[in-house]
Protein backbone atom coordinates (compact mmCIF):
# COMPACT_ATOMS: atom_id res chain seq x y z
CA MET A 1 -5.77 25.46 0.73
CA ALA A 2 -4.46 21.87 0.98
CA THR A 3 -6.33 19.16 0.00
CA LEU A 4 -6.86 16.07 1.63
CA PRO A 5 -5.63 12.88 0.01
CA THR A 6 -8.17 10.77 -2.04
CA LEU A 7 -9.15 7.13 -1.30
CA GLU A 8 -7.25 6.55 -4.49
CA ASP A 9 -4.18 8.92 -3.41
CA LYS A 10 -4.03 6.71 -0.13
CA GLY A 11 -3.81 3.54 -2.33
CA ARG A 12 -0.96 4.71 -4.29
CA MET A 13 0.80 6.03 -0.97
CA VAL A 14 0.72 2.09 -0.34
CA LEU A 15 1.89 1.60 -4.01
CA THR A 16 4.89 3.67 -2.94
CA ILE A 17 5.62 1.53 -0.16
CA PHE A 18 5.86 -1.57 -2.11
CA LYS A 19 7.77 0.42 -4.86
CA HIS A 20 10.50 1.27 -2.26
CA PHE A 21 10.98 -2.43 -1.39
CA ASP A 22 11.27 -3.21 -4.92
CA THR A 23 8.11 -5.66 -5.22
CA ARG A 24 7.29 -7.74 -7.86
CA PRO A 25 3.72 -9.22 -8.49
CA GLY A 26 3.25 -12.25 -6.36
CA GLU A 27 5.38 -10.97 -3.57
CA VAL A 28 4.19 -9.73 -0.37
CA LEU A 29 5.14 -7.14 2.23
CA ASP A 30 4.25 -7.61 6.02
CA LYS A 31 2.02 -4.92 7.34
CA ARG A 32 4.95 -4.08 9.83
CA ASN A 33 6.60 -2.79 6.89
CA LEU A 34 4.05 -0.48 6.15
CA VAL A 35 3.81 0.89 9.41
CA THR A 36 7.57 1.46 9.66
CA MET A 37 7.45 3.48 6.24
CA CYS A 38 4.55 5.70 7.59
CA ALA A 39 6.70 6.65 10.61
CA GLN A 40 9.58 7.24 8.60
CA TRP A 41 7.91 9.56 5.80
CA ASP A 42 5.81 11.12 8.81
CA TRP A 43 2.44 9.52 6.99
CA ARG A 44 -0.60 8.57 9.14
CA THR A 45 -1.18 5.01 9.61
CA SER A 46 -5.01 5.78 9.18
CA ASP A 47 -4.51 6.85 5.57
CA ILE A 48 -2.01 4.08 4.79
CA ALA A 49 -4.65 1.55 6.08
CA LYS A 50 -7.71 3.16 4.23
CA GLY A 51 -5.53 2.75 1.12
CA VAL A 52 -4.54 -0.75 1.52
CA GLU A 53 -8.70 -1.40 2.10
CA TYR A 54 -8.91 0.63 -1.68
CA GLY A 55 -5.88 -1.41 -3.23
CA LEU A 56 -7.86 -4.60 -2.00
CA ASP A 57 -11.01 -3.69 -3.33
CA THR A 58 -9.45 -2.42 -6.81
CA GLY A 59 -7.32 -5.65 -6.92
CA TRP A 60 -4.03 -3.86 -6.31
CA PHE A 61 -3.17 -6.31 -3.42
CA GLU A 62 -4.84 -9.16 -1.94
CA GLY A 63 -4.34 -10.72 1.70
CA GLY A 64 -1.30 -12.45 2.01
CA PRO A 65 0.21 -15.40 4.70
CA ASN A 66 0.56 -14.04 8.32
CA ASN A 67 -0.82 -10.54 8.12
CA SER A 68 0.67 -9.68 5.21
CA ILE A 69 -0.34 -8.08 1.49
CA ARG A 70 0.68 -9.51 -1.85
CA LEU A 71 1.42 -7.21 -4.50
CA THR A 72 -1.04 -8.37 -7.96
CA GLU A 73 -0.08 -7.71 -11.40
CA ALA A 74 -2.53 -4.84 -11.51
CA GLY A 75 -1.12 -3.21 -8.55
CA PHE A 76 2.61 -3.72 -10.38
CA ALA A 77 0.96 -2.14 -13.41
CA ALA A 78 -0.21 0.74 -11.40
CA ILE A 79 3.12 1.59 -9.98
């Protein structure tokens, strides 16, 4: 039986998107990039939204300008 992704799994999905774009600490991704990759990889946007929340709570990401998400040193290390 398949298992549902945990909150950490969802956060790591977001990290995978940062890795795909070769993002470095301090750099940002627009939330539209996340939605685009969800569609491309057939992921649920609700999972990514929860993953962003998890990453913000754990310090992997922080809010950036203009509805973007900034990758932190901790997030980069987790990749």
